[in-house]
Amino acid sequence: MEGSLRISEAASLAMHAMAYMASREEANPVSVASMSRSLGVSEAHLGKVLQRLARHGYLESRRGPKGGYGLGRDARKLTLLSIYEAVDGPLRESACLLDHRICTGSSCIFGGLLESVNSQVRDHLSRTRVADLVFEPNGKHTGGA
């Protein structure tokens, strides 16, 4: 079942964390504990995801009592696709849910649905910039894309 849309929890966390970071008005770094409380997610898992984003240069990390993470790049230039691929690798698209096609004849049982969904997901992730996403202080998403 290789061809179905899969967005891992880590990639979802990464995209949400980057939107959260872009929404912050303060220039001070935010701690993993504070961000995990705001997003309602596991601190340990979020910490690992943030480390990966920092290795790719999307975030900057600071150690110490006033340490934490801040944006490492301009949120207006970062797409959700780049964040996804930093965590999950290249977005794979497939026209079949199975490892190999078994449909006979000229049509798939899903018609062009899988190609359409794959295209829509890629288009959305590639055109949506992190700066387009806004979170209210209560953590709810209000952004446009």
Protein backbone atom coordinates (compact mmCIF):
# COMPACT_ATOMS: atom_id res chain seq x y z
CA MET A 1 0.00 0.00 0.00
CA GLU A 2 2.80 2.35 -0.96
CA GLY A 3 0.85 4.86 -3.00
CA SER A 4 -1.63 6.27 -0.52
CA LEU A 5 -1.12 9.70 0.96
CA ARG A 6 1.06 9.45 4.02
CA ILE A 7 2.03 12.35 6.18
CA SER A 8 3.86 11.07 9.20
CA GLU A 9 3.23 12.42 12.66
CA ALA A 10 6.77 13.84 12.58
CA ALA A 11 6.13 15.75 9.34
CA SER A 12 2.81 17.02 10.68
CA LEU A 13 4.53 18.16 13.88
CA ALA A 14 7.25 19.87 11.84
CA MET A 15 4.77 21.82 9.73
CA HIS A 16 2.70 22.82 12.76
CA ALA A 17 5.80 23.79 14.74
CA MET A 18 7.09 25.97 11.91
CA ALA A 19 3.69 27.70 11.62
CA TYR A 20 3.70 28.22 15.39
CA MET A 21 7.21 29.70 15.24
CA ALA A 22 6.25 32.04 12.40
CA SER A 23 3.21 33.23 14.39
CA ARG A 24 5.25 34.27 17.42
CA GLU A 25 5.77 37.98 17.87
CA GLU A 26 8.62 37.67 20.37
CA ALA A 27 12.16 37.39 19.10
CA ASN A 28 13.20 35.28 22.09
CA PRO A 29 13.68 31.56 21.55
CA VAL A 30 10.83 29.30 22.64
CA SER A 31 11.50 26.19 24.70
CA VAL A 32 10.42 22.74 23.57
CA ALA A 33 8.35 22.41 26.76
CA SER A 34 6.48 25.65 26.10
CA MET A 35 5.85 24.80 22.46
CA SER A 36 4.69 21.26 23.25
CA ARG A 37 2.19 22.65 25.78
CA SER A 38 0.90 25.19 23.24
CA LEU A 39 0.54 22.59 20.50
CA GLY A 40 -0.69 19.83 22.83
CA VAL A 41 1.90 17.31 21.66
CA SER A 42 4.60 15.10 23.16
CA GLU A 43 7.60 17.10 24.31
CA ALA A 44 10.00 14.25 23.53
CA HIS A 45 8.71 13.71 19.99
CA LEU A 46 8.56 17.44 19.28
CA GLY A 47 12.13 17.84 20.54
CA LYS A 48 13.40 15.25 18.05
CA VAL A 49 11.51 16.91 15.19
CA LEU A 50 12.86 20.35 16.11
CA GLN A 51 16.40 18.98 16.18
CA ARG A 52 15.93 17.66 12.66
CA LEU A 53 14.61 21.03 11.48
CA ALA A 54 17.59 22.75 13.10
CA ARG A 55 19.99 20.40 11.27
CA HIS A 56 18.38 21.53 8.00
CA GLY A 57 18.73 25.18 9.02
CA TYR A 58 15.00 25.84 9.32
CA LEU A 59 15.39 26.56 13.02
CA GLU A 60 18.20 27.94 15.15
CA SER A 61 18.73 26.47 18.59
CA ARG A 62 20.17 28.14 21.67
CA ARG A 63 21.29 26.30 24.75
CA GLY A 64 20.97 27.42 28.32
CA PRO A 65 18.27 28.58 30.72
CA LYS A 66 16.90 31.12 28.23
CA GLY A 67 17.50 28.81 25.29
CA GLY A 68 15.13 27.23 22.86
CA TYR A 69 14.35 27.51 19.18
CA GLY A 70 13.79 30.37 16.79
CA LEU A 71 13.29 30.55 13.03
CA GLY A 72 16.48 29.97 11.09
CA ARG A 73 15.11 31.14 7.74
CA ASP A 74 12.62 33.66 6.44
CA ALA A 75 9.15 32.13 6.84
CA ARG A 76 8.05 33.90 3.64
CA LYS A 77 10.49 31.73 1.68
CA LEU A 78 9.78 28.37 3.33
CA THR A 79 7.16 26.10 1.82
CA LEU A 80 5.34 23.31 3.58
CA LEU A 81 6.79 20.97 0.95
CA SER A 82 10.34 21.85 2.00
CA ILE A 83 9.45 21.21 5.65
CA TYR A 84 7.74 17.91 4.78
CA GLU A 85 10.72 16.74 2.75
CA ALA A 86 13.19 17.73 5.48
CA VAL A 87 11.43 15.28 7.79
CA ASP A 88 9.98 12.55 5.55
CA GLY A 89 12.17 12.81 2.46
CA PRO A 90 10.90 13.43 -1.07
CA LEU A 91 7.13 13.36 -1.48
CA ARG A 92 6.46 10.16 -3.38
CA GLU A 93 3.58 9.94 -5.76
CA SER A 94 2.06 6.78 -7.11
CA ALA A 95 -0.86 5.93 -9.32
CA CYS A 96 -1.54 2.67 -7.47
CA LEU A 97 -2.15 1.72 -3.85
CA LEU A 98 -0.43 -1.62 -4.33
CA ASP A 99 3.28 -2.28 -4.72
CA HIS A 100 2.61 -3.41 -8.29
CA ARG A 101 -0.42 -2.92 -10.50
CA ILE A 102 -2.86 -5.79 -10.69
CA CYS A 103 -5.66 -4.07 -12.59
CA THR A 104 -6.16 -5.44 -16.05
CA GLY A 105 -7.38 -3.45 -18.98
CA SER A 106 -7.01 0.24 -19.51
CA SER A 107 -8.53 1.62 -16.32
CA CYS A 108 -7.79 1.54 -12.62
CA ILE A 109 -10.54 0.88 -10.10
CA PHE A 110 -9.83 4.38 -8.70
CA GLY A 111 -9.81 6.07 -12.10
CA GLY A 112 -7.64 9.17 -11.92
CA LEU A 113 -8.41 9.79 -8.24
CA LEU A 114 -4.95 8.91 -6.90
CA GLU A 115 -3.13 11.07 -9.44
CA SER A 116 -5.52 13.91 -8.68
CA VAL A 117 -5.05 13.65 -4.90
CA ASN A 118 -1.27 13.40 -5.25
CA SER A 119 -1.23 16.46 -7.49
CA GLN A 120 -3.44 18.45 -5.12
CA VAL A 121 -1.29 17.59 -2.11
CA ARG A 122 1.96 18.49 -3.91
CA ASP A 123 0.44 21.75 -5.21
CA HIS A 124 -0.85 22.73 -1.78
CA LEU A 125 2.41 21.95 0.02
CA SER A 126 4.56 23.66 -2.61
CA ARG A 127 2.53 26.87 -2.81
CA THR A 128 1.83 27.29 0.92
CA ARG A 129 4.50 29.31 2.68
CA VAL A 130 5.04 29.02 6.41
CA ALA A 131 4.37 32.77 6.70
CA ASP A 132 0.89 32.18 5.23
CA LEU A 133 -0.08 30.20 8.33
CA VAL A 134 -1.17 32.01 11.44
CA PHE A 135 -2.01 30.64 14.86
CA GLU A 136 -4.04 32.60 17.38
CA PRO A 137 -2.64 32.69 20.92
CA ASN A 138 -4.97 29.78 21.85
CA GLY A 139 -3.21 27.63 19.24
CA LYS A 140 -6.00 27.56 16.64
CA HIS A 141 -5.04 27.91 13.00
CA THR A 142 -6.56 30.91 11.24
CA GLY A 143 -4.41 31.06 8.09
CA GLY A 144 -5.45 31.30 4.53
CA ALA A 145 -3.88 28.51 2.47
